[in-house]
C-alpha cells in the first residue's frame, strides 16, 4: 500500500527576466518524500527563499555579477552544503535499495551539470575534452585496475608502446591499435566484452575523433567508459601524462545546451575533495566554453537520478538591479 505523499509546488527561477518564461521560470512538481530524503533543510540553505499566500516557496540560486574566477562567482559554503546534501541523499538511497538492483544501473558519480546560453559550435562537439581535477575519481589503488591504451599504430606502434609502458612501470594491461579494433571488435558482443574487460580506456589524441564510429553505442550511449585522450609523443613524459589523465574527467558537449562533467564519486572522493574538484573543473570548463562565463547560463550539482541543486545562475545587470530594488 502506497503512503500518502504531500506535494510542494516550487516556482524555480528569476522574476523580471527578459527572456522567455519557459527558460528561466520553470514550474516543478516535486515529490515531498524525495525532497525529505535529500534533506529539505539543506536544500533551503542552498537558496534564497520566498513565500507567497499559496504556500509556495520561490527558490533563487545565489548569483554574483562581476567576477573573474570560479571562487568569486560561486559561494564555496553553498557548494559544500550542496555536496553534503547529495551525499546524505545517496546514503539513504543505498540503504533503501533492493539487494537485487542491477549493478550496471548504479551510477555513483556526482555531476557538474552545465547549461549554456547557446548550442556550442560543431568543432567543440566532435571530440571529448579532458578536464583536470584535484583528486582522481578512480579507486585509490588505481595501479591495480585493468587499463587499456588505444594507439593509431602508425605514429605510435603498439609493440613499442607496450615496451615503453612496461619500462615505466605503468598499469596499462593492454595496448590496442585502431586497425585491430576495427577488425576484431565489429560485433556488439565483442564490443561489450571489451567494455567489460577494462576499468578505463585511454586513447592517443589522433584516434579520438574516430572512436565513436569504431566503438559504437556500447561505449558512447551512457558515456561511462569513453576513452580518455592522452597526448603521447616520443619526447614527452608518458608517465606524467597518463597520471594526469587518471586525475581528469571528460566533458562531452552535446548537440544542445546541456552537458555534464563528473566531479565526484560515492565511496571514492570525500566531501572536501568533491568541492575542490568542482572548482578545478569549472576553471577547466571555462577554457573550453565560448565566451567563458558569458556563455554559461547555469550550473547545478547532481547524481544521475537525484534532484539537481543550483550553485550558479547568470543574471544580467538589469535583472540584478531589479532584484535589489
Protein backbone atom coordinates (compact mmCIF):
# COMPACT_ATOMS: atom_id res chain seq x y z
CA UNK A 1 0.00 0.00 0.00
CA UNK A 2 1.48 3.30 -1.07
CA UNK A 3 1.99 6.02 1.50
CA UNK A 4 0.14 9.24 1.06
CA UNK A 5 2.69 11.77 -0.05
CA UNK A 6 2.25 15.52 0.18
CA UNK A 7 3.42 17.66 -2.66
CA UNK A 8 5.12 21.02 -2.62
CA UNK A 9 4.96 23.25 -5.66
CA UNK A 10 8.21 25.00 -6.40
CA UNK A 11 8.41 28.02 -8.65
CA UNK A 12 12.04 27.90 -9.71
CA UNK A 13 13.76 30.79 -11.43
CA UNK A 14 14.15 34.53 -11.54
CA UNK A 15 11.43 37.13 -11.79
CA UNK A 16 11.72 40.02 -14.21
CA UNK A 17 13.87 38.16 -16.74
CA UNK A 18 13.97 39.49 -20.27
CA UNK A 19 13.87 36.04 -21.80
CA UNK A 20 11.11 33.57 -22.45
CA UNK A 21 9.50 32.42 -19.18
CA UNK A 22 9.93 28.74 -20.02
CA UNK A 23 13.71 29.19 -19.98
CA UNK A 24 14.09 30.91 -16.64
CA UNK A 25 10.80 30.21 -14.84
CA UNK A 26 10.04 26.52 -14.77
CA UNK A 27 7.40 25.06 -12.53
CA UNK A 28 8.45 21.79 -10.95
CA UNK A 29 6.13 19.46 -9.08
CA UNK A 30 8.50 17.64 -6.72
CA UNK A 31 7.60 14.68 -4.57
CA UNK A 32 7.79 15.74 -0.93
CA UNK A 33 9.13 12.35 0.15
CA UNK A 34 12.07 12.61 -2.21
CA UNK A 35 12.86 16.14 -1.03
CA UNK A 36 12.70 14.89 2.53
CA UNK A 37 15.17 12.12 1.64
CA UNK A 38 17.56 14.72 0.25
CA UNK A 39 17.14 16.89 3.33
CA UNK A 40 14.80 19.80 2.79
CA UNK A 41 16.71 21.86 5.36
CA UNK A 42 19.87 21.51 3.28
CA UNK A 43 18.01 22.41 0.10
CA UNK A 44 16.55 25.55 1.69
CA UNK A 45 20.01 26.60 2.90
CA UNK A 46 21.21 26.49 -0.69
CA UNK A 47 18.89 29.19 -1.93
CA UNK A 48 17.08 32.39 -1.01
CA UNK A 49 13.52 31.51 -0.09
CA UNK A 50 10.33 33.49 -0.72
CA UNK A 51 6.84 32.52 0.47
CA UNK A 52 3.56 33.63 -1.10
CA UNK A 53 -0.05 33.27 0.05
CA UNK A 54 -0.50 29.98 -1.81
CA UNK A 55 2.13 28.33 0.37
CA UNK A 56 4.71 28.07 -2.41
CA UNK A 57 8.43 28.53 -2.00
CA UNK A 58 10.28 30.57 -4.59
CA UNK A 59 13.87 29.38 -4.97
CA UNK A 60 16.54 31.64 -6.40
CA UNK A 61 20.11 30.35 -6.80
CA UNK A 62 22.85 32.62 -5.49
CA UNK A 63 24.36 34.78 -8.24
CA UNK A 64 27.22 37.27 -8.33
CA UNK A 65 27.56 39.71 -11.19
CA UNK A 66 31.14 40.90 -11.57
CA UNK A 67 33.86 38.33 -11.04
CA UNK A 68 36.57 36.52 -12.97
CA UNK A 69 37.28 33.23 -11.16
CA UNK A 70 35.05 30.33 -10.12
CA UNK A 71 35.57 31.07 -6.42
CA UNK A 72 34.34 34.64 -6.92
CA UNK A 73 31.29 33.62 -8.91
CA UNK A 74 30.22 30.69 -6.74
CA UNK A 75 29.77 30.64 -2.98
CA UNK A 76 32.01 27.91 -1.55
CA UNK A 77 29.86 27.39 1.54
CA UNK A 78 26.77 26.96 -0.62
CA UNK A 79 28.62 24.40 -2.72
CA UNK A 80 29.77 22.50 0.37
CA UNK A 81 26.18 22.27 1.63
CA UNK A 82 25.02 21.06 -1.78
CA UNK A 83 27.66 18.31 -1.84
CA UNK A 84 26.82 17.18 1.71
CA UNK A 85 23.09 17.13 0.90
CA UNK A 86 23.72 14.94 -2.15
CA UNK A 87 25.94 12.56 -0.19
CA UNK A 88 23.27 12.19 2.52
CA UNK A 89 20.67 11.52 -0.17
CA UNK A 90 22.89 8.86 -1.78
CA UNK A 91 23.45 7.13 1.55
CA UNK A 92 19.70 6.95 2.24
CA UNK A 93 19.04 5.74 -1.31
CA UNK A 94 21.53 2.89 -0.98
CA UNK A 95 20.01 1.87 2.36
CA UNK A 96 16.53 1.70 0.82
CA UNK A 97 17.57 0.00 -2.47
CA UNK A 98 16.62 -3.61 -3.11
CA UNK A 99 19.58 -6.04 -3.00
CA UNK A 100 18.50 -7.26 -6.44
CA UNK A 101 19.24 -3.88 -8.03
CA UNK A 102 21.44 -4.47 -11.08
CA UNK A 103 24.96 -3.18 -10.57
CA UNK A 104 25.17 -1.73 -14.09
CA UNK A 105 22.19 0.50 -13.36
CA UNK A 106 24.03 2.19 -10.47
CA UNK A 107 25.81 5.44 -11.21
CA UNK A 108 27.93 6.58 -8.28
CA UNK A 109 29.23 9.79 -9.85
CA UNK A 110 28.40 13.35 -8.84
CA UNK A 111 27.98 15.53 -11.92
CA UNK A 112 28.51 19.21 -12.56
CA UNK A 113 25.62 19.99 -14.90
CA UNK A 114 26.37 22.86 -17.29
CA UNK A 115 23.66 24.83 -19.08
CA UNK A 116 24.96 27.05 -21.87
CA UNK A 117 23.23 30.07 -23.38
CA UNK A 118 23.76 28.80 -26.92
CA UNK A 119 24.44 25.49 -28.62
CA UNK A 120 28.24 25.08 -28.86
CA UNK A 121 29.91 25.07 -32.31
CA UNK A 122 30.37 21.74 -34.09
CA UNK A 123 34.14 21.67 -33.65
CA UNK A 124 33.67 21.57 -29.85
CA UNK A 125 31.04 18.82 -30.05
CA UNK A 126 33.14 16.50 -32.21
CA UNK A 127 35.58 15.30 -29.53
CA UNK A 128 35.54 14.89 -25.73
CA UNK A 129 37.52 17.42 -23.71
CA UNK A 130 39.78 16.46 -20.82
CA UNK A 131 39.02 18.38 -17.62
CA UNK A 132 41.72 18.29 -14.91
CA UNK A 133 40.68 17.52 -11.32
CA UNK A 134 42.46 17.84 -7.98
CA UNK A 135 41.52 14.30 -6.92
CA UNK A 136 41.11 11.19 -9.05
CA UNK A 137 37.70 9.56 -9.46
CA UNK A 138 39.39 6.17 -9.79
CA UNK A 139 39.86 3.99 -6.69
CA UNK A 140 42.88 4.89 -4.60
CA UNK A 141 44.76 1.76 -5.79
CA UNK A 142 44.22 2.51 -9.49
CA UNK A 143 47.55 0.82 -10.28
CA UNK A 144 45.72 -2.47 -9.65
CA UNK A 145 42.97 -1.71 -12.18
CA UNK A 146 42.73 -3.05 -15.72
CA UNK A 147 43.63 -0.18 -18.04
CA UNK A 148 43.78 -0.16 -21.84
CA UNK A 149 45.53 2.20 -24.28
CA UNK A 150 44.39 2.69 -27.89
CA UNK A 151 47.02 3.90 -30.38
CA UNK A 152 46.96 4.71 -34.08
CA UNK A 153 49.52 2.03 -34.99
CA UNK A 154 51.39 4.43 -37.28
CA UNK A 155 52.92 7.28 -35.31
CA UNK A 156 52.88 5.12 -32.20
CA UNK A 157 53.34 1.38 -32.78
CA UNK A 158 51.52 -0.91 -30.34
CA UNK A 159 54.59 -3.07 -29.60
CA UNK A 160 56.83 -0.07 -28.95
CA UNK A 161 54.15 1.42 -26.71
CA UNK A 162 53.97 -1.81 -24.67
CA UNK A 163 57.71 -1.83 -24.16
CA UNK A 164 57.82 1.80 -23.09
CA UNK A 165 54.90 1.45 -20.67
CA UNK A 166 56.48 -1.66 -19.16
CA UNK A 167 59.78 0.15 -18.63
CA UNK A 168 57.89 2.98 -16.88
CA UNK A 169 56.02 0.50 -14.66
CA UNK A 170 52.66 1.90 -15.81
CA UNK A 171 49.46 -0.08 -15.07
CA UNK A 172 48.42 -0.42 -18.73
CA UNK A 173 47.45 -4.06 -19.19
CA UNK A 174 46.83 -3.95 -22.94
CA UNK A 175 47.68 -1.75 -25.93
CA UNK A 176 45.35 -1.93 -28.94
CA UNK A 177 45.90 -0.34 -32.31
CA UNK A 178 42.99 1.21 -34.19
CA UNK A 179 43.08 -1.30 -37.06
CA UNK A 180 42.76 -4.20 -34.60
CA UNK A 181 39.72 -2.53 -33.01
CA UNK A 182 38.08 -2.27 -36.43
CA UNK A 183 38.79 -5.87 -37.41
CA UNK A 184 38.37 -7.80 -34.12
CA UNK A 185 35.57 -5.85 -32.43
CA UNK A 186 32.94 -5.40 -35.10
CA UNK A 187 30.02 -7.12 -33.38
CA UNK A 188 28.04 -5.75 -30.45
CA UNK A 189 29.02 -8.74 -28.29
CA UNK A 190 32.73 -8.22 -28.98
CA UNK A 191 32.49 -4.54 -28.08
CA UNK A 192 30.57 -5.38 -24.92
CA UNK A 193 33.24 -7.92 -23.92
CA UNK A 194 35.95 -5.30 -24.47
CA UNK A 195 33.93 -2.77 -22.46
CA UNK A 196 33.62 -5.17 -19.52
CA UNK A 197 37.28 -6.25 -19.63
CA UNK A 198 38.79 -2.92 -18.56
CA UNK A 199 38.10 -0.31 -15.91
CA UNK A 200 39.30 2.61 -18.00
CA UNK A 201 40.45 3.32 -21.55
CA UNK A 202 42.96 5.83 -22.87
CA UNK A 203 43.42 6.88 -26.49
CA UNK A 204 46.07 8.95 -28.24
CA UNK A 205 44.80 12.29 -29.48
CA UNK A 206 44.87 11.39 -33.20
CA UNK A 207 42.42 8.47 -32.92
CA UNK A 208 39.91 10.07 -30.52
CA UNK A 209 37.65 11.59 -33.26
CA UNK A 210 37.41 8.15 -34.96
CA UNK A 211 36.41 6.14 -31.90
CA UNK A 212 32.64 6.86 -31.73
CA UNK A 213 32.14 5.08 -35.05
CA UNK A 214 34.52 2.23 -34.12
CA UNK A 215 33.37 1.57 -30.53
CA UNK A 216 29.71 2.44 -31.04
CA UNK A 217 26.92 2.94 -28.52
CA UNK A 218 28.32 0.34 -26.11
CA UNK A 219 30.89 2.95 -25.08
CA UNK A 220 29.19 6.20 -26.03
CA UNK A 221 25.49 5.80 -25.20
CA UNK A 222 25.86 6.21 -21.42
CA UNK A 223 29.35 7.76 -21.69
CA UNK A 224 30.69 5.65 -18.83
CA UNK A 225 33.95 4.45 -20.40
CA UNK A 226 34.70 6.87 -23.18
CA UNK A 227 38.47 6.67 -23.81
CA UNK A 228 40.39 9.47 -22.11
CA UNK A 229 42.51 11.48 -24.59
CA UNK A 230 46.26 11.44 -23.91
CA UNK A 231 48.96 13.43 -25.68
CA UNK A 232 51.76 10.92 -26.20
CA UNK A 233 54.80 11.56 -28.34
CA UNK A 234 58.39 10.41 -28.42
CA UNK A 235 59.78 13.35 -26.42
CA UNK A 236 57.01 13.75 -23.80
CA UNK A 237 56.90 12.16 -20.34
CA UNK A 238 54.43 9.32 -20.83
CA UNK A 239 54.19 8.52 -17.14
CA UNK A 240 53.25 12.07 -16.13
CA UNK A 241 50.76 12.36 -18.99
CA UNK A 242 48.95 9.13 -18.09
CA UNK A 243 48.93 10.03 -14.38
CA UNK A 244 47.39 13.42 -15.27
CA UNK A 245 44.78 11.62 -17.37
CA UNK A 246 43.95 9.38 -14.38
CA UNK A 247 43.22 12.55 -12.40
CA UNK A 248 40.92 14.02 -15.03
CA UNK A 249 37.31 13.93 -16.11
CA UNK A 250 35.66 14.23 -19.52
CA UNK A 251 33.41 16.97 -20.85
CA UNK A 252 31.36 15.78 -23.83
CA UNK A 253 29.49 18.79 -25.15
CA UNK A 254 26.14 17.72 -26.57
CA UNK A 255 24.25 18.99 -29.59
CA UNK A 256 22.08 21.02 -27.19
CA UNK A 257 22.80 23.48 -24.41
CA UNK A 258 23.11 20.97 -21.53
CA UNK A 259 26.22 18.93 -20.73
CA UNK A 260 27.79 17.37 -17.65
CA UNK A 261 31.20 16.50 -16.23
CA UNK A 262 31.98 14.16 -13.33
CA UNK A 263 33.48 15.85 -10.28
CA UNK A 264 33.00 13.25 -7.54
CA UNK A 265 32.31 9.60 -6.86
CA UNK A 266 30.49 7.92 -4.00
CA UNK A 267 32.86 5.88 -1.86
CA UNK A 268 35.98 7.31 -3.53
CA UNK A 269 36.06 11.10 -3.04
CA UNK A 270 35.17 12.81 0.23
CA UNK A 271 33.08 15.95 0.57
CA UNK A 272 36.05 18.37 0.69
CA UNK A 273 37.67 16.66 -2.29
CA UNK A 274 34.48 16.93 -4.33
CA UNK A 275 34.27 20.67 -3.60
CA UNK A 276 37.88 21.18 -4.70
CA UNK A 277 37.28 19.05 -7.80
CA UNK A 278 34.24 21.16 -8.61
CA UNK A 279 36.07 24.48 -8.64
CA UNK A 280 39.00 22.99 -10.56
CA UNK A 281 36.58 21.52 -13.12
CA UNK A 282 34.76 24.83 -13.57
CA UNK A 283 38.05 26.55 -14.39
CA UNK A 284 38.72 23.79 -16.94
CA UNK A 285 35.26 24.14 -18.48
CA UNK A 286 35.74 27.92 -18.83
CA UNK A 287 38.78 27.26 -21.02
CA UNK A 288 36.55 25.37 -23.48
CA UNK A 289 33.17 27.11 -23.41
CA UNK A 290 32.87 30.06 -25.82
CA UNK A 291 32.82 33.46 -24.03
CA UNK A 292 33.73 31.74 -20.75
CA UNK A 293 31.30 32.97 -18.03
CA UNK A 294 29.43 34.92 -20.68
CA UNK A 295 28.42 31.65 -22.32
CA UNK A 296 27.14 29.89 -19.19
CA UNK A 297 23.51 30.21 -18.10
CA UNK A 298 23.51 27.93 -15.04
CA UNK A 299 25.46 25.33 -13.08
CA UNK A 300 23.97 22.53 -10.96
CA UNK A 301 25.24 19.60 -8.90
CA UNK A 302 23.54 16.20 -9.01
CA UNK A 303 23.73 12.45 -9.08
CA UNK A 304 22.29 10.95 -12.27
CA UNK A 305 18.98 10.22 -10.51
CA UNK A 306 18.84 12.98 -7.88
CA UNK A 307 17.44 16.46 -7.67
CA UNK A 308 19.75 18.99 -9.36
CA UNK A 309 20.92 21.56 -6.82
CA UNK A 310 21.69 25.04 -8.24
CA UNK A 311 25.05 26.62 -7.45
CA UNK A 312 25.15 29.37 -10.08
CA UNK A 313 22.76 31.15 -12.42
CA UNK A 314 23.57 34.01 -14.76
CA UNK A 315 21.81 37.28 -14.18
CA UNK A 316 22.17 40.42 -16.26
CA UNK A 317 22.94 43.76 -14.63
CA UNK A 318 19.38 44.95 -15.31
CA UNK A 319 17.93 41.90 -13.55
CA UNK A 320 20.33 42.32 -10.62
CA UNK A 321 19.28 45.94 -10.14
CA UNK A 322 15.61 44.96 -10.38
CA UNK A 323 16.09 42.29 -7.69
CA UNK A 324 17.83 44.71 -5.31
CA UNK A 325 15.02 47.23 -5.73
